[in-house]
N, C-alpha and C. Protein backbone atom coordinates (compact mmCIF):
# COMPACT_ATOMS: atom_id res chain seq x y z
N MET A 1 20.19 29.49 -33.54
CA MET A 1 19.65 28.26 -33.04
C MET A 1 18.13 28.35 -32.97
N ARG A 2 17.46 27.31 -33.50
CA ARG A 2 16.00 27.30 -33.56
C ARG A 2 15.45 26.53 -32.36
N VAL A 3 14.49 27.10 -31.67
CA VAL A 3 13.85 26.46 -30.54
C VAL A 3 12.54 25.86 -31.02
N TYR A 4 12.34 24.60 -30.71
CA TYR A 4 11.12 23.91 -31.13
C TYR A 4 10.06 24.09 -30.05
N GLU A 5 8.91 24.55 -30.46
CA GLU A 5 7.79 24.71 -29.54
C GLU A 5 6.81 23.57 -29.75
N LEU A 6 6.36 23.01 -28.66
CA LEU A 6 5.39 21.92 -28.75
C LEU A 6 3.99 22.49 -28.97
N SER A 7 3.26 21.81 -29.84
CA SER A 7 1.87 22.20 -30.04
C SER A 7 1.04 21.68 -28.86
N GLY A 8 -0.15 22.16 -28.73
CA GLY A 8 -1.06 21.70 -27.67
C GLY A 8 -1.30 20.20 -27.77
N PHE A 9 -1.43 19.71 -29.00
CA PHE A 9 -1.66 18.28 -29.21
C PHE A 9 -0.46 17.46 -28.76
N GLU A 10 0.75 17.93 -29.07
CA GLU A 10 1.96 17.21 -28.66
C GLU A 10 2.10 17.19 -27.14
N VAL A 11 1.79 18.30 -26.49
CA VAL A 11 1.82 18.35 -25.03
C VAL A 11 0.80 17.36 -24.46
N PHE A 12 -0.40 17.32 -25.05
CA PHE A 12 -1.43 16.38 -24.62
C PHE A 12 -0.93 14.94 -24.74
N LEU A 13 -0.33 14.61 -25.89
CA LEU A 13 0.17 13.24 -26.10
C LEU A 13 1.25 12.87 -25.08
N ILE A 14 2.14 13.79 -24.79
CA ILE A 14 3.20 13.53 -23.82
C ILE A 14 2.59 13.32 -22.43
N LEU A 15 1.67 14.18 -22.03
CA LEU A 15 1.03 14.05 -20.72
C LEU A 15 0.20 12.78 -20.63
N PHE A 16 -0.50 12.45 -21.71
CA PHE A 16 -1.31 11.24 -21.73
C PHE A 16 -0.42 10.00 -21.59
N THR A 17 0.68 9.97 -22.33
CA THR A 17 1.62 8.85 -22.27
C THR A 17 2.20 8.71 -20.86
N LEU A 18 2.57 9.83 -20.26
CA LEU A 18 3.07 9.80 -18.88
C LEU A 18 2.01 9.28 -17.92
N ALA A 19 0.76 9.72 -18.09
CA ALA A 19 -0.33 9.28 -17.21
C ALA A 19 -0.54 7.77 -17.34
N VAL A 20 -0.51 7.26 -18.56
CA VAL A 20 -0.66 5.81 -18.78
C VAL A 20 0.49 5.07 -18.10
N GLY A 21 1.71 5.53 -18.31
CA GLY A 21 2.88 4.87 -17.72
C GLY A 21 2.85 4.89 -16.20
N VAL A 22 2.52 6.03 -15.61
CA VAL A 22 2.45 6.13 -14.15
C VAL A 22 1.34 5.25 -13.61
N SER A 23 0.20 5.24 -14.29
CA SER A 23 -0.94 4.41 -13.86
C SER A 23 -0.57 2.94 -13.86
N ILE A 24 0.06 2.48 -14.91
CA ILE A 24 0.44 1.07 -15.00
C ILE A 24 1.53 0.73 -13.98
N ALA A 25 2.50 1.63 -13.81
CA ALA A 25 3.55 1.40 -12.81
C ALA A 25 2.95 1.33 -11.41
N TRP A 26 2.04 2.23 -11.08
CA TRP A 26 1.42 2.25 -9.76
C TRP A 26 0.64 0.96 -9.50
N SER A 27 -0.20 0.56 -10.47
CA SER A 27 -1.00 -0.65 -10.26
C SER A 27 -0.10 -1.90 -10.23
N THR A 28 0.99 -1.89 -10.99
CA THR A 28 1.93 -3.02 -10.97
C THR A 28 2.56 -3.15 -9.59
N LEU A 29 2.96 -2.04 -9.00
CA LEU A 29 3.53 -2.08 -7.65
C LEU A 29 2.49 -2.50 -6.63
N ARG A 30 1.27 -2.04 -6.80
CA ARG A 30 0.19 -2.35 -5.85
C ARG A 30 -0.23 -3.81 -5.90
N VAL A 31 -0.36 -4.35 -7.11
CA VAL A 31 -0.88 -5.71 -7.29
C VAL A 31 0.24 -6.74 -7.37
N GLY A 32 1.40 -6.34 -7.84
CA GLY A 32 2.52 -7.27 -7.95
C GLY A 32 2.71 -7.85 -9.34
N ILE A 33 1.88 -7.42 -10.29
CA ILE A 33 2.00 -7.89 -11.67
C ILE A 33 1.40 -6.82 -12.58
N SER A 34 1.99 -6.67 -13.76
CA SER A 34 1.48 -5.68 -14.71
C SER A 34 0.37 -6.29 -15.56
N PRO A 35 -0.48 -5.44 -16.14
CA PRO A 35 -1.50 -5.97 -17.07
C PRO A 35 -0.80 -6.65 -18.25
N MET A 36 -1.12 -7.91 -18.47
CA MET A 36 -0.48 -8.68 -19.53
C MET A 36 -1.56 -9.35 -20.37
N PRO A 37 -1.74 -8.90 -21.60
CA PRO A 37 -2.79 -9.51 -22.42
C PRO A 37 -2.44 -10.94 -22.85
N SER A 38 -3.47 -11.75 -22.96
CA SER A 38 -3.30 -13.10 -23.48
C SER A 38 -3.01 -13.02 -24.98
N SER A 39 -2.23 -13.94 -25.47
CA SER A 39 -1.95 -14.00 -26.90
C SER A 39 -3.23 -14.38 -27.65
N LYS A 40 -3.22 -14.18 -28.95
CA LYS A 40 -4.39 -14.53 -29.76
C LYS A 40 -4.70 -16.02 -29.66
N SER A 41 -3.68 -16.86 -29.71
CA SER A 41 -3.93 -18.31 -29.63
C SER A 41 -4.45 -18.69 -28.25
N ALA A 42 -3.97 -18.03 -27.19
CA ALA A 42 -4.47 -18.31 -25.84
C ALA A 42 -5.93 -17.86 -25.72
N ARG A 43 -6.26 -16.68 -26.25
CA ARG A 43 -7.66 -16.20 -26.24
C ARG A 43 -8.58 -17.19 -26.93
N GLN A 44 -8.14 -17.67 -28.09
CA GLN A 44 -8.96 -18.63 -28.84
C GLN A 44 -9.16 -19.92 -28.04
N ALA A 45 -8.11 -20.40 -27.39
CA ALA A 45 -8.21 -21.62 -26.58
C ALA A 45 -9.12 -21.40 -25.38
N ILE A 46 -9.01 -20.25 -24.73
CA ILE A 46 -9.85 -19.95 -23.58
C ILE A 46 -11.32 -19.89 -24.00
N ILE A 47 -11.60 -19.23 -25.11
CA ILE A 47 -12.98 -19.14 -25.59
C ILE A 47 -13.51 -20.52 -25.95
N ARG A 48 -12.70 -21.33 -26.62
CA ARG A 48 -13.11 -22.70 -26.96
C ARG A 48 -13.43 -23.51 -25.71
N LEU A 49 -12.56 -23.43 -24.70
CA LEU A 49 -12.80 -24.17 -23.46
C LEU A 49 -14.02 -23.63 -22.71
N THR A 50 -14.25 -22.34 -22.80
CA THR A 50 -15.39 -21.72 -22.12
C THR A 50 -16.71 -22.17 -22.75
N GLU A 51 -16.67 -22.57 -24.01
CA GLU A 51 -17.88 -23.09 -24.66
C GLU A 51 -18.40 -24.33 -23.94
N GLU A 52 -17.53 -25.02 -23.22
CA GLU A 52 -17.88 -26.26 -22.54
C GLU A 52 -18.38 -26.04 -21.11
N THR A 53 -18.68 -24.78 -20.74
CA THR A 53 -18.99 -24.47 -19.35
C THR A 53 -20.45 -24.08 -19.11
N GLY A 54 -21.33 -24.39 -20.00
CA GLY A 54 -22.74 -24.10 -19.77
C GLY A 54 -23.14 -22.70 -20.19
N ALA A 55 -24.09 -22.12 -19.42
CA ALA A 55 -24.66 -20.83 -19.80
C ALA A 55 -24.58 -19.80 -18.68
N GLY A 56 -23.83 -20.09 -17.60
CA GLY A 56 -23.77 -19.18 -16.46
C GLY A 56 -22.84 -18.00 -16.68
N THR A 57 -22.82 -17.13 -15.69
CA THR A 57 -22.00 -15.91 -15.72
C THR A 57 -20.51 -16.28 -15.74
N ILE A 58 -19.76 -15.52 -16.53
CA ILE A 58 -18.31 -15.68 -16.66
C ILE A 58 -17.64 -14.46 -16.05
N ILE A 59 -16.65 -14.68 -15.18
CA ILE A 59 -15.87 -13.58 -14.61
C ILE A 59 -14.46 -13.65 -15.16
N ASP A 60 -13.97 -12.51 -15.68
CA ASP A 60 -12.58 -12.40 -16.12
C ASP A 60 -11.82 -11.66 -15.02
N LEU A 61 -10.92 -12.36 -14.34
CA LEU A 61 -10.16 -11.78 -13.24
C LEU A 61 -8.91 -11.11 -13.79
N GLY A 62 -8.88 -9.79 -13.72
CA GLY A 62 -7.78 -9.03 -14.29
C GLY A 62 -7.98 -8.86 -15.78
N CYS A 63 -9.08 -8.22 -16.15
CA CYS A 63 -9.48 -8.15 -17.58
C CYS A 63 -8.63 -7.18 -18.39
N GLY A 64 -7.78 -6.40 -17.75
CA GLY A 64 -6.84 -5.55 -18.47
C GLY A 64 -7.49 -4.64 -19.49
N TRP A 65 -6.95 -4.66 -20.69
CA TRP A 65 -7.37 -3.77 -21.77
C TRP A 65 -8.63 -4.27 -22.48
N GLY A 66 -9.14 -5.41 -22.07
CA GLY A 66 -10.35 -5.96 -22.69
C GLY A 66 -10.06 -7.00 -23.75
N ASN A 67 -8.81 -7.42 -23.90
CA ASN A 67 -8.43 -8.35 -24.97
C ASN A 67 -9.18 -9.67 -24.93
N LEU A 68 -9.60 -10.11 -23.74
CA LEU A 68 -10.35 -11.35 -23.62
C LEU A 68 -11.81 -11.09 -23.27
N VAL A 69 -12.06 -10.17 -22.36
CA VAL A 69 -13.43 -9.96 -21.88
C VAL A 69 -14.35 -9.44 -23.00
N ILE A 70 -13.84 -8.63 -23.90
CA ILE A 70 -14.64 -8.13 -25.03
C ILE A 70 -15.00 -9.28 -25.98
N PRO A 71 -14.01 -10.11 -26.44
CA PRO A 71 -14.38 -11.25 -27.28
C PRO A 71 -15.33 -12.23 -26.59
N LEU A 72 -15.19 -12.42 -25.27
CA LEU A 72 -16.13 -13.28 -24.55
C LEU A 72 -17.55 -12.73 -24.62
N ALA A 73 -17.69 -11.42 -24.41
CA ALA A 73 -19.02 -10.80 -24.46
C ALA A 73 -19.61 -10.88 -25.87
N LEU A 74 -18.77 -10.77 -26.88
CA LEU A 74 -19.25 -10.89 -28.26
C LEU A 74 -19.63 -12.33 -28.60
N LYS A 75 -18.83 -13.28 -28.14
CA LYS A 75 -19.06 -14.70 -28.44
C LYS A 75 -20.28 -15.25 -27.71
N PHE A 76 -20.52 -14.77 -26.49
CA PHE A 76 -21.60 -15.30 -25.66
C PHE A 76 -22.60 -14.19 -25.29
N PRO A 77 -23.35 -13.68 -26.26
CA PRO A 77 -24.27 -12.56 -25.97
C PRO A 77 -25.39 -12.94 -24.99
N HIS A 78 -25.67 -14.23 -24.85
CA HIS A 78 -26.71 -14.70 -23.94
C HIS A 78 -26.21 -14.89 -22.51
N ARG A 79 -24.91 -14.77 -22.30
CA ARG A 79 -24.32 -14.94 -20.97
C ARG A 79 -23.89 -13.59 -20.40
N GLN A 80 -23.99 -13.46 -19.09
CA GLN A 80 -23.47 -12.28 -18.41
C GLN A 80 -21.95 -12.44 -18.27
N ILE A 81 -21.21 -11.41 -18.67
CA ILE A 81 -19.76 -11.41 -18.58
C ILE A 81 -19.36 -10.27 -17.64
N VAL A 82 -18.46 -10.56 -16.70
CA VAL A 82 -18.01 -9.57 -15.72
C VAL A 82 -16.49 -9.51 -15.75
N GLY A 83 -15.95 -8.31 -15.78
CA GLY A 83 -14.50 -8.14 -15.76
C GLY A 83 -14.06 -7.28 -14.60
N TYR A 84 -12.95 -7.65 -13.99
CA TYR A 84 -12.35 -6.87 -12.91
C TYR A 84 -10.95 -6.45 -13.31
N GLU A 85 -10.63 -5.17 -13.07
CA GLU A 85 -9.29 -4.65 -13.36
C GLU A 85 -9.01 -3.50 -12.41
N LEU A 86 -7.82 -3.48 -11.83
CA LEU A 86 -7.43 -2.40 -10.92
C LEU A 86 -6.75 -1.23 -11.63
N SER A 87 -5.97 -1.52 -12.64
CA SER A 87 -5.22 -0.47 -13.34
C SER A 87 -6.18 0.40 -14.14
N ILE A 88 -6.12 1.71 -13.90
CA ILE A 88 -7.14 2.61 -14.44
C ILE A 88 -7.13 2.71 -15.97
N MET A 89 -5.98 2.81 -16.60
CA MET A 89 -5.96 3.00 -18.06
C MET A 89 -6.42 1.75 -18.81
N PRO A 90 -5.95 0.56 -18.45
CA PRO A 90 -6.51 -0.62 -19.11
C PRO A 90 -8.03 -0.75 -18.87
N TRP A 91 -8.47 -0.51 -17.63
CA TRP A 91 -9.90 -0.58 -17.31
C TRP A 91 -10.68 0.43 -18.15
N LEU A 92 -10.19 1.67 -18.22
CA LEU A 92 -10.87 2.71 -18.99
C LEU A 92 -10.94 2.34 -20.48
N THR A 93 -9.88 1.75 -21.00
CA THR A 93 -9.88 1.30 -22.40
C THR A 93 -10.97 0.25 -22.62
N ALA A 94 -11.07 -0.71 -21.71
CA ALA A 94 -12.10 -1.76 -21.82
C ALA A 94 -13.50 -1.15 -21.73
N VAL A 95 -13.69 -0.17 -20.85
CA VAL A 95 -15.00 0.50 -20.71
C VAL A 95 -15.36 1.22 -22.00
N ILE A 96 -14.41 1.90 -22.59
CA ILE A 96 -14.67 2.61 -23.86
C ILE A 96 -15.05 1.63 -24.96
N LEU A 97 -14.31 0.51 -25.06
CA LEU A 97 -14.63 -0.51 -26.07
C LEU A 97 -16.03 -1.10 -25.83
N LYS A 98 -16.36 -1.33 -24.58
CA LYS A 98 -17.70 -1.85 -24.23
C LYS A 98 -18.78 -0.90 -24.73
N LYS A 99 -18.57 0.40 -24.48
CA LYS A 99 -19.56 1.41 -24.91
C LYS A 99 -19.65 1.49 -26.43
N ILE A 100 -18.52 1.50 -27.10
CA ILE A 100 -18.49 1.57 -28.57
C ILE A 100 -19.22 0.38 -29.18
N LEU A 101 -18.98 -0.81 -28.61
CA LEU A 101 -19.57 -2.05 -29.14
C LEU A 101 -20.96 -2.33 -28.58
N ARG A 102 -21.42 -1.48 -27.65
CA ARG A 102 -22.76 -1.59 -27.04
C ARG A 102 -23.01 -3.00 -26.46
N LEU A 103 -22.09 -3.42 -25.64
CA LEU A 103 -22.17 -4.76 -25.05
C LEU A 103 -22.96 -4.69 -23.74
N LYS A 104 -24.22 -4.98 -23.83
CA LYS A 104 -25.11 -4.91 -22.67
C LYS A 104 -24.89 -6.07 -21.70
N ASN A 105 -24.30 -7.15 -22.17
CA ASN A 105 -24.05 -8.31 -21.31
C ASN A 105 -22.71 -8.24 -20.57
N LEU A 106 -22.01 -7.11 -20.69
CA LEU A 106 -20.69 -6.95 -20.09
C LEU A 106 -20.72 -5.89 -18.99
N THR A 107 -20.22 -6.26 -17.81
CA THR A 107 -20.08 -5.33 -16.69
C THR A 107 -18.61 -5.30 -16.30
N LEU A 108 -18.07 -4.09 -16.18
CA LEU A 108 -16.65 -3.94 -15.84
C LEU A 108 -16.51 -3.18 -14.53
N TYR A 109 -15.69 -3.73 -13.64
CA TYR A 109 -15.45 -3.11 -12.34
C TYR A 109 -13.98 -2.76 -12.19
N ARG A 110 -13.72 -1.59 -11.65
CA ARG A 110 -12.34 -1.22 -11.30
C ARG A 110 -12.18 -1.46 -9.81
N GLN A 111 -11.90 -2.70 -9.48
CA GLN A 111 -11.73 -3.08 -8.09
C GLN A 111 -10.97 -4.40 -8.00
N ASP A 112 -10.53 -4.69 -6.80
CA ASP A 112 -9.80 -5.92 -6.51
C ASP A 112 -10.77 -7.09 -6.57
N PHE A 113 -10.53 -8.03 -7.47
CA PHE A 113 -11.47 -9.15 -7.62
C PHE A 113 -11.51 -10.04 -6.38
N LEU A 114 -10.47 -10.02 -5.57
CA LEU A 114 -10.49 -10.83 -4.36
C LEU A 114 -11.42 -10.27 -3.29
N LYS A 115 -11.76 -8.99 -3.42
CA LYS A 115 -12.68 -8.35 -2.47
C LYS A 115 -14.08 -8.21 -3.05
N SER A 116 -14.31 -8.83 -4.19
CA SER A 116 -15.61 -8.71 -4.86
C SER A 116 -16.49 -9.93 -4.58
N ASP A 117 -17.74 -9.79 -4.95
CA ASP A 117 -18.73 -10.84 -4.74
C ASP A 117 -18.84 -11.68 -6.00
N TRP A 118 -18.51 -12.95 -5.90
CA TRP A 118 -18.58 -13.84 -7.05
C TRP A 118 -19.87 -14.66 -7.06
N SER A 119 -20.78 -14.38 -6.15
CA SER A 119 -21.99 -15.20 -6.08
C SER A 119 -22.77 -15.09 -7.38
N GLY A 120 -23.30 -16.20 -7.81
CA GLY A 120 -24.05 -16.25 -9.06
C GLY A 120 -23.19 -16.55 -10.28
N ALA A 121 -21.88 -16.36 -10.17
CA ALA A 121 -20.99 -16.65 -11.30
C ALA A 121 -20.61 -18.13 -11.26
N GLU A 122 -20.48 -18.71 -12.44
CA GLU A 122 -20.14 -20.13 -12.53
C GLU A 122 -18.77 -20.39 -13.13
N VAL A 123 -18.22 -19.39 -13.84
CA VAL A 123 -16.97 -19.61 -14.57
C VAL A 123 -16.01 -18.46 -14.29
N ILE A 124 -14.76 -18.82 -14.03
CA ILE A 124 -13.68 -17.84 -13.90
C ILE A 124 -12.72 -18.09 -15.05
N VAL A 125 -12.31 -17.02 -15.73
CA VAL A 125 -11.22 -17.09 -16.69
C VAL A 125 -10.13 -16.14 -16.19
N CYS A 126 -8.87 -16.54 -16.38
CA CYS A 126 -7.81 -15.69 -15.84
C CYS A 126 -6.47 -15.98 -16.50
N TYR A 127 -5.61 -14.98 -16.41
CA TYR A 127 -4.20 -15.09 -16.78
C TYR A 127 -3.46 -14.32 -15.70
N LEU A 128 -3.14 -15.02 -14.63
CA LEU A 128 -2.57 -14.36 -13.46
C LEU A 128 -1.12 -14.78 -13.26
N TYR A 129 -0.78 -15.19 -12.08
CA TYR A 129 0.56 -15.63 -11.70
C TYR A 129 0.36 -16.60 -10.54
N PRO A 130 1.37 -17.37 -10.15
CA PRO A 130 1.15 -18.40 -9.13
C PRO A 130 0.49 -17.88 -7.84
N GLY A 131 0.93 -16.73 -7.33
CA GLY A 131 0.32 -16.18 -6.12
C GLY A 131 -1.15 -15.84 -6.32
N GLY A 132 -1.49 -15.32 -7.51
CA GLY A 132 -2.88 -15.02 -7.83
C GLY A 132 -3.74 -16.27 -7.89
N MET A 133 -3.17 -17.34 -8.42
CA MET A 133 -3.90 -18.61 -8.49
C MET A 133 -4.13 -19.18 -7.08
N ASP A 134 -3.15 -19.01 -6.18
CA ASP A 134 -3.34 -19.41 -4.78
C ASP A 134 -4.50 -18.64 -4.16
N SER A 135 -4.54 -17.34 -4.42
CA SER A 135 -5.60 -16.50 -3.86
C SER A 135 -6.97 -16.91 -4.38
N ILE A 136 -7.06 -17.24 -5.66
CA ILE A 136 -8.34 -17.70 -6.23
C ILE A 136 -8.78 -18.99 -5.56
N LYS A 137 -7.85 -19.94 -5.45
CA LYS A 137 -8.17 -21.22 -4.81
C LYS A 137 -8.69 -20.98 -3.39
N ASN A 138 -8.00 -20.13 -2.63
CA ASN A 138 -8.41 -19.86 -1.26
C ASN A 138 -9.79 -19.20 -1.19
N LYS A 139 -10.05 -18.27 -2.10
CA LYS A 139 -11.36 -17.59 -2.11
C LYS A 139 -12.48 -18.57 -2.46
N ILE A 140 -12.25 -19.40 -3.45
CA ILE A 140 -13.26 -20.39 -3.86
C ILE A 140 -13.55 -21.36 -2.71
N GLU A 141 -12.48 -21.81 -2.05
CA GLU A 141 -12.65 -22.80 -0.99
C GLU A 141 -13.20 -22.22 0.31
N SER A 142 -12.98 -20.93 0.56
CA SER A 142 -13.39 -20.36 1.84
C SER A 142 -14.79 -19.73 1.82
N GLU A 143 -15.36 -19.56 0.64
CA GLU A 143 -16.67 -18.93 0.54
C GLU A 143 -17.69 -19.91 -0.04
N GLU A 144 -18.94 -19.60 0.17
CA GLU A 144 -20.01 -20.33 -0.52
C GLU A 144 -19.97 -19.87 -1.97
N SER A 145 -19.30 -20.61 -2.78
CA SER A 145 -19.07 -20.19 -4.17
C SER A 145 -19.88 -21.04 -5.14
N ASP A 146 -20.41 -20.39 -6.16
CA ASP A 146 -21.11 -21.09 -7.24
C ASP A 146 -20.16 -21.44 -8.38
N ILE A 147 -18.88 -21.11 -8.22
CA ILE A 147 -17.91 -21.32 -9.29
C ILE A 147 -17.81 -22.81 -9.59
N ARG A 148 -18.11 -23.16 -10.84
CA ARG A 148 -18.03 -24.56 -11.28
C ARG A 148 -16.83 -24.82 -12.15
N PHE A 149 -16.34 -23.78 -12.84
CA PHE A 149 -15.23 -23.96 -13.78
C PHE A 149 -14.20 -22.84 -13.61
N VAL A 150 -12.94 -23.18 -13.81
CA VAL A 150 -11.86 -22.21 -13.91
C VAL A 150 -11.11 -22.52 -15.20
N VAL A 151 -10.92 -21.49 -16.02
CA VAL A 151 -10.13 -21.61 -17.24
C VAL A 151 -8.94 -20.67 -17.05
N SER A 152 -7.74 -21.22 -17.02
CA SER A 152 -6.55 -20.44 -16.70
C SER A 152 -5.51 -20.53 -17.80
N ASN A 153 -5.00 -19.37 -18.17
CA ASN A 153 -3.94 -19.28 -19.16
C ASN A 153 -2.60 -19.38 -18.43
N ASN A 154 -1.87 -20.43 -18.69
CA ASN A 154 -0.48 -20.60 -18.28
C ASN A 154 -0.24 -21.04 -16.85
N PHE A 155 -1.09 -20.70 -15.91
CA PHE A 155 -0.80 -21.01 -14.51
C PHE A 155 -1.84 -21.95 -13.93
N ALA A 156 -1.36 -22.98 -13.26
CA ALA A 156 -2.22 -24.03 -12.71
C ALA A 156 -2.92 -23.56 -11.43
N LEU A 157 -4.08 -24.15 -11.18
CA LEU A 157 -4.82 -23.93 -9.96
C LEU A 157 -4.28 -24.92 -8.92
N PRO A 158 -3.65 -24.42 -7.84
CA PRO A 158 -3.02 -25.32 -6.86
C PRO A 158 -4.00 -26.35 -6.30
N SER A 159 -3.50 -27.53 -6.06
CA SER A 159 -4.24 -28.64 -5.44
C SER A 159 -5.39 -29.15 -6.30
N HIS A 160 -5.39 -28.85 -7.58
CA HIS A 160 -6.44 -29.33 -8.48
C HIS A 160 -5.80 -29.92 -9.73
N GLN A 161 -6.43 -30.94 -10.27
CA GLN A 161 -6.00 -31.52 -11.53
C GLN A 161 -6.89 -30.97 -12.64
N PRO A 162 -6.31 -30.48 -13.72
CA PRO A 162 -7.16 -29.97 -14.81
C PRO A 162 -7.93 -31.12 -15.47
N ASP A 163 -9.14 -30.81 -15.90
CA ASP A 163 -9.94 -31.78 -16.65
C ASP A 163 -9.52 -31.81 -18.10
N LYS A 164 -8.97 -30.69 -18.55
CA LYS A 164 -8.49 -30.60 -19.92
C LYS A 164 -7.35 -29.60 -19.96
N THR A 165 -6.33 -29.91 -20.76
CA THR A 165 -5.22 -28.99 -20.97
C THR A 165 -5.01 -28.84 -22.47
N VAL A 166 -5.01 -27.61 -22.94
CA VAL A 166 -4.72 -27.31 -24.33
C VAL A 166 -3.31 -26.72 -24.38
N ARG A 167 -2.46 -27.30 -25.19
CA ARG A 167 -1.10 -26.77 -25.36
C ARG A 167 -1.09 -25.87 -26.59
N LEU A 168 -0.61 -24.64 -26.40
CA LEU A 168 -0.56 -23.69 -27.50
C LEU A 168 0.66 -23.98 -28.37
N ASN A 169 0.53 -23.65 -29.61
CA ASN A 169 1.63 -23.84 -30.55
C ASN A 169 2.51 -22.58 -30.53
N ASP A 170 3.11 -22.33 -29.37
CA ASP A 170 4.01 -21.18 -29.24
C ASP A 170 5.38 -21.66 -28.78
N PHE A 171 6.29 -20.75 -28.59
CA PHE A 171 7.67 -21.07 -28.23
C PHE A 171 7.76 -21.92 -26.97
N TYR A 172 6.88 -21.65 -25.99
CA TYR A 172 6.93 -22.33 -24.70
C TYR A 172 5.97 -23.52 -24.60
N ASN A 173 5.18 -23.75 -25.67
CA ASN A 173 4.16 -24.79 -25.61
C ASN A 173 3.24 -24.55 -24.41
N SER A 174 2.82 -23.30 -24.25
CA SER A 174 2.07 -22.83 -23.09
C SER A 174 0.76 -23.58 -22.90
N PRO A 175 0.43 -23.88 -21.63
CA PRO A 175 -0.83 -24.57 -21.36
C PRO A 175 -1.98 -23.60 -21.08
N VAL A 176 -3.17 -24.00 -21.45
CA VAL A 176 -4.41 -23.36 -21.01
C VAL A 176 -5.21 -24.48 -20.35
N TYR A 177 -5.58 -24.27 -19.09
CA TYR A 177 -6.22 -25.31 -18.29
C TYR A 177 -7.71 -25.08 -18.13
N LEU A 178 -8.47 -26.17 -18.14
CA LEU A 178 -9.88 -26.15 -17.78
C LEU A 178 -10.06 -27.03 -16.56
N TYR A 179 -10.59 -26.45 -15.49
CA TYR A 179 -10.88 -27.18 -14.26
C TYR A 179 -12.39 -27.20 -14.06
N GLN A 180 -12.92 -28.36 -13.79
CA GLN A 180 -14.32 -28.47 -13.38
C GLN A 180 -14.32 -28.73 -11.88
N LEU A 181 -14.78 -27.74 -11.12
CA LEU A 181 -14.73 -27.83 -9.68
C LEU A 181 -15.95 -28.52 -9.10
N LYS A 182 -17.09 -28.34 -9.76
CA LYS A 182 -18.33 -28.96 -9.33
C LYS A 182 -18.99 -29.57 -10.55
N SER A 183 -19.72 -30.65 -10.34
CA SER A 183 -20.37 -31.27 -11.48
C SER A 183 -21.52 -30.40 -11.97
N THR A 184 -21.84 -30.56 -13.24
CA THR A 184 -22.91 -29.76 -13.84
C THR A 184 -24.25 -30.19 -13.26
N ARG A 185 -25.14 -29.22 -13.26
CA ARG A 185 -26.45 -29.48 -12.66
C ARG A 185 -27.36 -30.21 -13.58
């Protein structure tokens, strides 16, 4: 009988995969939702709607692996882009991509966006869940916020009517919402 010995590289891959899985499971239990990237069509719709939001800072709440925050930073080099992510491996991936692409207009934080300072930002983009949307609404309403626009993939902002809704050509006919909370200056 032949015994298979793992190479150092194979051991590294197994340990790395386990670390990624444990990290995502831990952050999913902590936050209540796993990192879920927006589809390509949703990203395109979000970027298109964000073009209508002026020139202020854009915050991506739950930026995950960088699937949206990186394209935003590339599309809007003149705007400051900020991403928040709690899960370490998706955050680390986004940080590495930022460094590789030398995106000076992108800042990434590994922290809870609800405990962060949104002052100076005018636009929020997100793909959260109903409870997360409630939390955003409460934070915007309870603080002196400069947030003028919210662009949300799939989930509505409670107690607000969207100014524009884009329906994606997918199985669910998923909505992407644009909310204008304050009039433009």
